[in-house]
PDB file of N, CA and C in Angstrom:
ATOM      1  N   UNK A   1       1.440  58.378 134.196  1.00  0.00           N
ATOM      2  CA  UNK A   1       0.673  59.475 134.747  1.00  0.00           C
ATOM      3  C   UNK A   1      -0.158  58.957 135.913  1.00  0.00           C
ATOM      4  N   UNK A   2      -0.125  59.644 137.009  1.00  0.00           N
ATOM      5  CA  UNK A   2      -0.876  59.266 138.197  1.00  0.00           C
ATOM      6  C   UNK A   2      -2.241  59.929 138.131  1.00  0.00           C
ATOM      7  N   UNK A   3      -3.283  59.149 138.307  1.00  0.00           N
ATOM      8  CA  UNK A   3      -4.630  59.717 138.275  1.00  0.00           C
ATOM      9  C   UNK A   3      -5.054  60.119 139.681  1.00  0.00           C
ATOM     10  N   UNK A   4      -5.926  61.104 139.726  1.00  0.00           N
ATOM     11  CA  UNK A   4      -6.440  61.583 141.002  1.00  0.00           C
ATOM     12  C   UNK A   4      -7.383  60.543 141.586  1.00  0.00           C
ATOM     13  N   UNK A   5      -7.404  60.406 142.908  1.00  0.00           N
ATOM     14  CA  UNK A   5      -8.329  59.450 143.516  1.00  0.00           C
ATOM     15  C   UNK A   5      -9.766  59.884 143.295  1.00  0.00           C
ATOM     16  N   UNK A   6     -10.638  58.906 143.233  1.00  0.00           N
ATOM     17  CA  UNK A   6     -12.061  59.201 143.080  1.00  0.00           C
ATOM     18  C   UNK A   6     -12.581  59.892 144.332  1.00  0.00           C
ATOM     19  N   UNK A   7     -13.380  60.971 144.175  1.00  0.00           N
ATOM     20  CA  UNK A   7     -13.935  61.632 145.356  1.00  0.00           C
ATOM     21  C   UNK A   7     -14.968  60.734 146.025  1.00  0.00           C
ATOM     22  N   UNK A   8     -15.103  60.897 147.305  1.00  0.00           N
ATOM     23  CA  UNK A   8     -16.133  60.157 148.034  1.00  0.00           C
ATOM     24  C   UNK A   8     -17.499  60.523 147.458  1.00  0.00           C
ATOM     25  N   UNK A   9     -18.379  59.564 147.429  1.00  0.00           N
ATOM     26  CA  UNK A   9     -19.683  59.765 146.800  1.00  0.00           C
ATOM     27  C   UNK A   9     -20.456  60.925 147.416  1.00  0.00           C
ATOM     28  N   UNK A  10     -20.275  61.149 148.698  1.00  0.00           N
ATOM     29  CA  UNK A  10     -21.039  62.199 149.357  1.00  0.00           C
ATOM     30  C   UNK A  10     -20.220  63.463 149.602  1.00  0.00           C
ATOM     31  N   UNK A  11     -19.011  63.500 149.139  1.00  0.00           N
ATOM     32  CA  UNK A  11     -18.138  64.651 149.360  1.00  0.00           C
ATOM     33  C   UNK A  11     -18.559  65.822 148.479  1.00  0.00           C
ATOM     34  N   UNK A  12     -18.589  66.990 149.073  1.00  0.00           N
ATOM     35  CA  UNK A  12     -18.923  68.207 148.337  1.00  0.00           C
ATOM     36  C   UNK A  12     -17.851  69.252 148.579  1.00  0.00           C
ATOM     37  N   UNK A  13     -17.624  70.081 147.604  1.00  0.00           N
ATOM     38  CA  UNK A  13     -16.700  71.200 147.753  1.00  0.00           C
ATOM     39  C   UNK A  13     -17.497  72.385 148.274  1.00  0.00           C
ATOM     40  N   UNK A  14     -17.015  72.979 149.355  1.00  0.00           N
ATOM     41  CA  UNK A  14     -17.680  74.136 149.950  1.00  0.00           C
ATOM     42  C   UNK A  14     -17.066  75.398 149.359  1.00  0.00           C
ATOM     43  N   UNK A  15     -17.920  76.269 148.816  1.00  0.00           N
ATOM     44  CA  UNK A  15     -17.471  77.538 148.248  1.00  0.00           C
ATOM     45  C   UNK A  15     -18.102  78.649 149.071  1.00  0.00           C
ATOM     46  N   UNK A  16     -17.282  79.286 149.916  1.00  0.00           N
ATOM     47  CA  UNK A  16     -17.789  80.425 150.682  1.00  0.00           C
ATOM     48  C   UNK A  16     -17.757  81.650 149.780  1.00  0.00           C
ATOM     49  N   UNK A  17     -18.745  82.514 149.945  1.00  0.00           N
ATOM     50  CA  UNK A  17     -18.838  83.671 149.059  1.00  0.00           C
ATOM     51  C   UNK A  17     -19.195  83.255 147.648  1.00  0.00           C
ATOM     52  N   UNK A  18     -19.889  82.149 147.541  1.00  0.00           N
ATOM     53  CA  UNK A  18     -20.181  81.565 146.238  1.00  0.00           C
ATOM     54  C   UNK A  18     -21.167  82.318 145.386  1.00  0.00           C
ATOM     55  N   UNK A  19     -21.777  83.358 145.906  1.00  0.00           N
ATOM     56  CA  UNK A  19     -22.705  84.147 145.106  1.00  0.00           C
ATOM     57  C   UNK A  19     -22.053  85.424 144.581  1.00  0.00           C
ATOM     58  N   UNK A  20     -20.787  85.637 144.908  1.00  0.00           N
ATOM     59  CA  UNK A  20     -20.053  86.791 144.394  1.00  0.00           C
ATOM     60  C   UNK A  20     -19.467  86.490 143.032  1.00  0.00           C
ATOM     61  N   UNK A  21     -18.793  87.478 142.464  1.00  0.00           N
ATOM     62  CA  UNK A  21     -18.239  87.348 141.113  1.00  0.00           C
ATOM     63  C   UNK A  21     -17.252  86.189 141.018  1.00  0.00           C
ATOM     64  N   UNK A  22     -16.261  86.149 141.877  1.00  0.00           N
ATOM     65  CA  UNK A  22     -15.256  85.085 141.829  1.00  0.00           C
ATOM     66  C   UNK A  22     -15.867  83.756 142.264  1.00  0.00           C
ATOM     67  N   UNK A  23     -16.704  83.793 143.291  1.00  0.00           N
ATOM     68  CA  UNK A  23     -17.330  82.570 143.787  1.00  0.00           C
ATOM     69  C   UNK A  23     -18.183  81.876 142.742  1.00  0.00           C
ATOM     70  N   UNK A  24     -18.965  82.637 141.977  1.00  0.00           N
ATOM     71  CA  UNK A  24     -19.807  82.037 140.939  1.00  0.00           C
ATOM     72  C   UNK A  24     -18.965  81.385 139.847  1.00  0.00           C
ATOM     73  N   UNK A  25     -17.857  82.004 139.494  1.00  0.00           N
ATOM     74  CA  UNK A  25     -16.978  81.392 138.498  1.00  0.00           C
ATOM     75  C   UNK A  25     -16.329  80.117 139.054  1.00  0.00           C
ATOM     76  N   UNK A  26     -16.022  80.135 140.335  1.00  0.00           N
ATOM     77  CA  UNK A  26     -15.467  78.942 140.978  1.00  0.00           C
ATOM     78  C   UNK A  26     -16.487  77.817 140.979  1.00  0.00           C
ATOM     79  N   UNK A  27     -17.731  78.136 141.324  1.00  0.00           N
ATOM     80  CA  UNK A  27     -18.807  77.135 141.329  1.00  0.00           C
ATOM     81  C   UNK A  27     -18.996  76.553 139.932  1.00  0.00           C
ATOM     82  N   UNK A  28     -19.007  77.400 138.929  1.00  0.00           N
ATOM     83  CA  UNK A  28     -19.169  76.918 137.556  1.00  0.00           C
ATOM     84  C   UNK A  28     -18.047  75.945 137.192  1.00  0.00           C
ATOM     85  N   UNK A  29     -16.811  76.262 137.587  1.00  0.00           N
ATOM     86  CA  UNK A  29     -15.674  75.388 137.306  1.00  0.00           C
ATOM     87  C   UNK A  29     -15.805  74.053 138.039  1.00  0.00           C
ATOM     88  N   UNK A  30     -16.251  74.100 139.282  1.00  0.00           N
ATOM     89  CA  UNK A  30     -16.457  72.876 140.067  1.00  0.00           C
ATOM     90  C   UNK A  30     -17.500  71.989 139.388  1.00  0.00           C
ATOM     91  N   UNK A  31     -18.590  72.587 138.958  1.00  0.00           N
ATOM     92  CA  UNK A  31     -19.644  71.823 138.290  1.00  0.00           C
ATOM     93  C   UNK A  31     -19.158  71.266 136.953  1.00  0.00           C
ATOM     94  N   UNK A  32     -18.373  72.055 136.227  1.00  0.00           N
ATOM     95  CA  UNK A  32     -17.835  71.586 134.943  1.00  0.00           C
ATOM     96  C   UNK A  32     -16.908  70.392 135.124  1.00  0.00           C
ATOM     97  N   UNK A  33     -16.273  70.287 136.286  1.00  0.00           N
ATOM     98  CA  UNK A  33     -15.414  69.137 136.583  1.00  0.00           C
ATOM     99  C   UNK A  33     -16.218  67.914 137.031  1.00  0.00           C
ATOM    100  N   UNK A  34     -17.541  68.069 137.120  1.00  0.00           N
ATOM    101  CA  UNK A  34     -18.393  66.957 137.514  1.00  0.00           C
ATOM    102  C   UNK A  34     -18.529  66.778 139.010  1.00  0.00           C
ATOM    103  N   UNK A  35     -18.082  67.727 139.781  1.00  0.00           N
ATOM    104  CA  UNK A  35     -18.136  67.643 141.233  1.00  0.00           C
ATOM    105  C   UNK A  35     -19.401  68.317 141.752  1.00  0.00           C
ATOM    106  N   UNK A  36     -19.711  68.059 143.003  1.00  0.00           N
ATOM    107  CA  UNK A  36     -20.843  68.691 143.680  1.00  0.00           C
ATOM    108  C   UNK A  36     -20.315  69.771 144.608  1.00  0.00           C
ATOM    109  N   UNK A  37     -21.150  70.757 144.906  1.00  0.00           N
ATOM    110  CA  UNK A  37     -20.676  71.813 145.790  1.00  0.00           C
ATOM    111  C   UNK A  37     -21.805  72.367 146.650  1.00  0.00           C
ATOM    112  N   UNK A  38     -21.376  73.001 147.721  1.00  0.00           N
ATOM    113  CA  UNK A  38     -22.265  73.744 148.607  1.00  0.00           C
ATOM    114  C   UNK A  38     -21.836  75.197 148.519  1.00  0.00           C
ATOM    115  N   UNK A  39     -22.766  76.059 148.164  1.00  0.00           N
ATOM    116  CA  UNK A  39     -22.491  77.483 148.117  1.00  0.00           C
ATOM    117  C   UNK A  39     -22.929  78.073 149.445  1.00  0.00           C
ATOM    118  N   UNK A  40     -21.995  78.656 150.155  1.00  0.00           N
ATOM    119  CA  UNK A  40     -22.294  79.283 151.446  1.00  0.00           C
ATOM    120  C   UNK A  40     -22.395  80.778 151.214  1.00  0.00           C
ATOM    121  N   UNK A  41     -23.506  81.337 151.642  1.00  0.00           N
ATOM    122  CA  UNK A  41     -23.696  82.781 151.482  1.00  0.00           C
ATOM    123  C   UNK A  41     -24.097  83.387 152.807  1.00  0.00           C
ATOM    124  N   UNK A  42     -23.796  84.635 152.949  1.00  0.00           N
ATOM    125  CA  UNK A  42     -24.092  85.348 154.193  1.00  0.00           C
ATOM    126  C   UNK A  42     -25.507  85.917 154.189  1.00  0.00           C
ATOM    127  N   UNK A  43     -25.960  86.372 153.052  1.00  0.00           N
ATOM    128  CA  UNK A  43     -27.298  86.967 152.964  1.00  0.00           C
ATOM    129  C   UNK A  43     -28.023  86.430 151.738  1.00  0.00           C
ATOM    130  N   UNK A  44     -29.307  86.636 151.731  1.00  0.00           N
ATOM    131  CA  UNK A  44     -30.131  86.116 150.639  1.00  0.00           C
ATOM    132  C   UNK A  44     -29.909  86.942 149.370  1.00  0.00           C
ATOM    133  N   UNK A  45     -29.636  86.259 148.293  1.00  0.00           N
ATOM    134  CA  UNK A  45     -29.487  86.876 146.983  1.00  0.00           C
ATOM    135  C   UNK A  45     -30.185  85.996 145.965  1.00  0.00           C
ATOM    136  N   UNK A  46     -30.514  86.584 144.841  1.00  0.00           N
ATOM    137  CA  UNK A  46     -31.130  85.821 143.757  1.00  0.00           C
ATOM    138  C   UNK A  46     -30.108  84.848 143.182  1.00  0.00           C
ATOM    139  N   UNK A  47     -30.539  83.635 142.902  1.00  0.00           N
ATOM    140  CA  UNK A  47     -29.644  82.622 142.349  1.00  0.00           C
ATOM    141  C   UNK A  47     -29.524  82.793 140.840  1.00  0.00           C
ATOM    142  N   UNK A  48     -28.310  82.705 140.313  1.00  0.00           N
ATOM    143  CA  UNK A  48     -28.137  82.733 138.861  1.00  0.00           C
ATOM    144  C   UNK A  48     -28.819  81.531 138.213  1.00  0.00           C
ATOM    145  N   UNK A  49     -29.194  81.676 136.965  1.00  0.00           N
ATOM    146  CA  UNK A  49     -29.951  80.632 136.275  1.00  0.00           C
ATOM    147  C   UNK A  49     -29.193  79.312 136.197  1.00  0.00           C
ATOM    148  N   UNK A  50     -27.867  79.337 135.986  1.00  0.00           N
ATOM    149  CA  UNK A  50     -27.149  78.071 135.850  1.00  0.00           C
ATOM    150  C   UNK A  50     -27.191  77.268 137.144  1.00  0.00           C
ATOM    151  N   UNK A  51     -27.316  77.940 138.291  1.00  0.00           N
ATOM    152  CA  UNK A  51     -27.443  77.225 139.562  1.00  0.00           C
ATOM    153  C   UNK A  51     -28.855  76.673 139.702  1.00  0.00           C
ATOM    154  N   UNK A  52     -29.845  77.458 139.328  1.00  0.00           N
ATOM    155  CA  UNK A  52     -31.232  77.010 139.406  1.00  0.00           C
ATOM    156  C   UNK A  52     -31.477  75.810 138.495  1.00  0.00           C
ATOM    157  N   UNK A  53     -30.739  75.734 137.398  1.00  0.00           N
ATOM    158  CA  UNK A  53     -30.903  74.630 136.443  1.00  0.00           C
ATOM    159  C   UNK A  53     -30.233  73.334 136.899  1.00  0.00           C
ATOM    160  N   UNK A  54     -29.295  73.431 137.816  1.00  0.00           N
ATOM    161  CA  UNK A  54     -28.573  72.248 138.291  1.00  0.00           C
ATOM    162  C   UNK A  54     -29.438  71.422 139.235  1.00  0.00           C
ATOM    163  N   UNK A  55     -29.156  70.153 139.277  1.00  0.00           N
ATOM    164  CA  UNK A  55     -29.838  69.244 140.197  1.00  0.00           C
ATOM    165  C   UNK A  55     -29.505  69.618 141.636  1.00  0.00           C
ATOM    166  N   UNK A  56     -30.449  69.464 142.517  1.00  0.00           N
ATOM    167  CA  UNK A  56     -30.199  69.745 143.933  1.00  0.00           C
ATOM    168  C   UNK A  56     -29.199  68.751 144.520  1.00  0.00           C
ATOM    169  N   UNK A  57     -28.913  67.674 143.798  1.00  0.00           N
ATOM    170  CA  UNK A  57     -27.895  66.727 144.237  1.00  0.00           C
ATOM    171  C   UNK A  57     -26.492  67.276 143.990  1.00  0.00           C
ATOM    172  N   UNK A  58     -26.354  68.177 143.032  1.00  0.00           N
ATOM    173  CA  UNK A  58     -25.029  68.713 142.681  1.00  0.00           C
ATOM    174  C   UNK A  58     -24.747  70.053 143.331  1.00  0.00           C
ATOM    175  N   UNK A  59     -25.769  70.852 143.581  1.00  0.00           N
ATOM    176  CA  UNK A  59     -25.561  72.189 144.128  1.00  0.00           C
ATOM    177  C   UNK A  59     -26.537  72.439 145.269  1.00  0.00           C
ATOM    178  N   UNK A  60     -25.994  72.821 146.402  1.00  0.00           N
ATOM    179  CA  UNK A  60     -26.809  73.268 147.522  1.00  0.00           C
ATOM    180  C   UNK A  60     -26.412  74.697 147.833  1.00  0.00           C
ATOM    181  N   UNK A  61     -27.405  75.554 148.052  1.00  0.00           N
ATOM    182  CA  UNK A  61     -27.136  76.932 148.449  1.00  0.00           C
ATOM    183  C   UNK A  61     -27.613  77.074 149.877  1.00  0.00           C
ATOM    184  N   UNK A  62     -26.687  77.397 150.767  1.00  0.00           N
ATOM    185  CA  UNK A  62     -27.001  77.485 152.192  1.00  0.00           C
ATOM    186  C   UNK A  62     -26.627  78.856 152.725  1.00  0.00           C
ATOM    187  N   UNK A  63     -27.471  79.383 153.584  1.00  0.00           N
ATOM    188  CA  UNK A  63     -27.156  80.617 154.280  1.00  0.00           C
ATOM    189  C   UNK A  63     -26.612  80.213 155.650  1.00  0.00           C
ATOM    190  N   UNK A  64     -25.284  80.233 155.787  1.00  0.00           N
ATOM    191  CA  UNK A  64     -24.612  79.750 156.984  1.00  0.00           C
ATOM    192  C   UNK A  64     -23.598  80.763 157.481  1.00  0.00           C
ATOM    193  N   UNK A  65     -23.229  80.592 158.728  1.00  0.00           N
ATOM    194  CA  UNK A  65     -22.159  81.381 159.327  1.00  0.00           C
ATOM    195  C   UNK A  65     -20.859  80.607 159.140  1.00  0.00           C
ATOM    196  N   UNK A  66     -19.914  81.164 158.401  1.00  0.00           N
ATOM    197  CA  UNK A  66     -18.671  80.448 158.120  1.00  0.00           C
ATOM    198  C   UNK A  66     -17.817  80.263 159.373  1.00  0.00           C
ATOM    199  N   UNK A  67     -18.121  80.983 160.434  1.00  0.00           N
ATOM    200  CA  UNK A  67     -17.380  80.827 161.688  1.00  0.00           C
ATOM    201  C   UNK A  67     -17.843  79.606 162.472  1.00  0.00           C
ATOM    202  N   UNK A  68     -18.967  79.012 162.079  1.00  0.00           N
ATOM    203  CA  UNK A  68     -19.505  77.835 162.765  1.00  0.00           C
ATOM    204  C   UNK A  68     -19.061  76.580 162.019  1.00  0.00           C
ATOM    205  N   UNK A  69     -17.963  76.007 162.472  1.00  0.00           N
ATOM    206  CA  UNK A  69     -17.342  74.875 161.785  1.00  0.00           C
ATOM    207  C   UNK A  69     -18.284  73.689 161.623  1.00  0.00           C
ATOM    208  N   UNK A  70     -19.060  73.388 162.639  1.00  0.00           N
ATOM    209  CA  UNK A  70     -19.911  72.199 162.575  1.00  0.00           C
ATOM    210  C   UNK A  70     -20.992  72.328 161.498  1.00  0.00           C
ATOM    211  N   UNK A  71     -21.572  73.508 161.316  1.00  0.00           N
ATOM    212  CA  UNK A  71     -22.594  73.647 160.272  1.00  0.00           C
ATOM    213  C   UNK A  71     -21.980  73.577 158.880  1.00  0.00           C
ATOM    214  N   UNK A  72     -20.761  74.091 158.734  1.00  0.00           N
ATOM    215  CA  UNK A  72     -20.079  73.986 157.444  1.00  0.00           C
ATOM    216  C   UNK A  72     -19.778  72.515 157.142  1.00  0.00           C
ATOM    217  N   UNK A  73     -19.289  71.787 158.116  1.00  0.00           N
ATOM    218  CA  UNK A  73     -18.990  70.368 157.929  1.00  0.00           C
ATOM    219  C   UNK A  73     -20.254  69.575 157.634  1.00  0.00           C
ATOM    220  N   UNK A  74     -21.323  69.869 158.351  1.00  0.00           N
ATOM    221  CA  UNK A  74     -22.585  69.182 158.095  1.00  0.00           C
ATOM    222  C   UNK A  74     -23.085  69.467 156.681  1.00  0.00           C
ATOM    223  N   UNK A  75     -22.956  70.705 156.226  1.00  0.00           N
ATOM    224  CA  UNK A  75     -23.413  71.073 154.894  1.00  0.00           C
ATOM    225  C   UNK A  75     -22.627  70.345 153.824  1.00  0.00           C
ATOM    226  N   UNK A  76     -21.357  70.127 154.080  1.00  0.00           N
ATOM    227  CA  UNK A  76     -20.502  69.453 153.090  1.00  0.00           C
ATOM    228  C   UNK A  76     -20.558  67.933 153.212  1.00  0.00           C
ATOM    229  N   UNK A  77     -21.203  67.429 154.237  1.00  0.00           N
ATOM    230  CA  UNK A  77     -21.276  65.996 154.519  1.00  0.00           C
ATOM    231  C   UNK A  77     -19.886  65.417 154.674  1.00  0.00           C
ATOM    232  N   UNK A  78     -19.024  66.197 155.263  1.00  0.00           N
ATOM    233  CA  UNK A  78     -17.646  65.763 155.447  1.00  0.00           C
ATOM    234  C   UNK A  78     -17.366  65.575 156.928  1.00  0.00           C
ATOM    235  N   UNK A  79     -16.371  64.798 157.213  1.00  0.00           N
ATOM    236  CA  UNK A  79     -15.934  64.643 158.605  1.00  0.00           C
ATOM    237  C   UNK A  79     -14.816  65.645 158.844  1.00  0.00           C
ATOM    238  N   UNK A  80     -15.018  66.497 159.809  1.00  0.00           N
ATOM    239  CA  UNK A  80     -14.009  67.527 160.130  1.00  0.00           C
ATOM    240  C   UNK A  80     -13.493  67.304 161.525  1.00  0.00           C
TER     241      UNK A  80
END
């Protein structure tokens, strides 16, 4: 069995629309896998309790424009 490569220490999964119904379930799954993520939202909404309970090292909630590639890349700490 081939194992998946270890993620980079600073790599985060970006979830656009992460405050919606499907996005929140995606974020929960990402966190359950032990990964970190950035939730990108278009407007301010109340954060669900499971996100508020997570360490700021694992979950970042950002209000960003998804059309601006550089801000998305900066938020994810990834090289694009």
